[in-house]
Amino acid sequence: MKLYRSLVDIEPLLHKPVRQMSLGQRTLSDILAAFLTGLFL
């Protein structure tokens, strides 16, 4: 998670409701979630 925080400014999005995110923010969150899911499989 530290790697993703350093690559992308994800900190402000961690506690933001999905309804309030822009399309780009949601896409970025989905991509990061896919990477994280792949790490734990």
Protein backbone atom coordinates (compact mmCIF):
# COMPACT_ATOMS: atom_id res chain seq x y z
CA MET A 1 0.00 0.00 0.00
CA LYS A 2 2.89 2.38 0.69
CA LEU A 3 4.09 1.92 -2.89
CA TYR A 4 0.70 2.94 -4.30
CA ARG A 5 0.48 5.88 -1.92
CA SER A 6 3.85 7.11 -3.15
CA LEU A 7 3.06 6.58 -6.84
CA VAL A 8 -0.42 8.06 -6.77
CA ASP A 9 -1.84 10.59 -4.35
CA ILE A 10 -4.43 8.12 -3.05
CA GLU A 11 -4.59 9.43 0.53
CA PRO A 12 -7.49 11.91 -0.03
CA LEU A 13 -9.55 9.17 -1.70
CA LEU A 14 -9.27 6.59 1.07
CA HIS A 15 -12.18 7.97 3.09
CA LYS A 16 -14.16 9.63 0.31
CA PRO A 17 -17.53 8.08 -0.56
CA VAL A 18 -17.67 6.64 -4.08
CA ARG A 19 -20.69 8.80 -4.90
CA GLN A 20 -18.56 11.92 -4.46
CA MET A 21 -15.63 10.77 -6.62
CA SER A 22 -15.09 11.88 -10.18
CA LEU A 23 -14.96 9.28 -12.95
CA GLY A 24 -11.15 9.48 -13.01
CA GLN A 25 -10.92 9.00 -9.26
CA ARG A 26 -13.23 5.97 -9.40
CA THR A 27 -11.25 4.47 -12.28
CA LEU A 28 -7.99 4.96 -10.39
CA SER A 29 -9.51 3.38 -7.29
CA ASP A 30 -10.74 0.38 -9.32
CA ILE A 31 -7.31 -0.12 -10.88
CA LEU A 32 -5.57 0.05 -7.51
CA ALA A 33 -8.12 -2.36 -6.02
CA ALA A 34 -7.42 -4.81 -8.85
CA PHE A 35 -3.68 -4.60 -8.18
CA LEU A 36 -4.19 -5.12 -4.45
CA THR A 37 -6.50 -8.08 -5.05
CA GLY A 38 -3.87 -9.64 -7.33
CA LEU A 39 -1.22 -9.28 -4.64
CA PHE A 40 -3.22 -11.29 -2.11
CA LEU A 41 -4.19 -14.19 -4.39
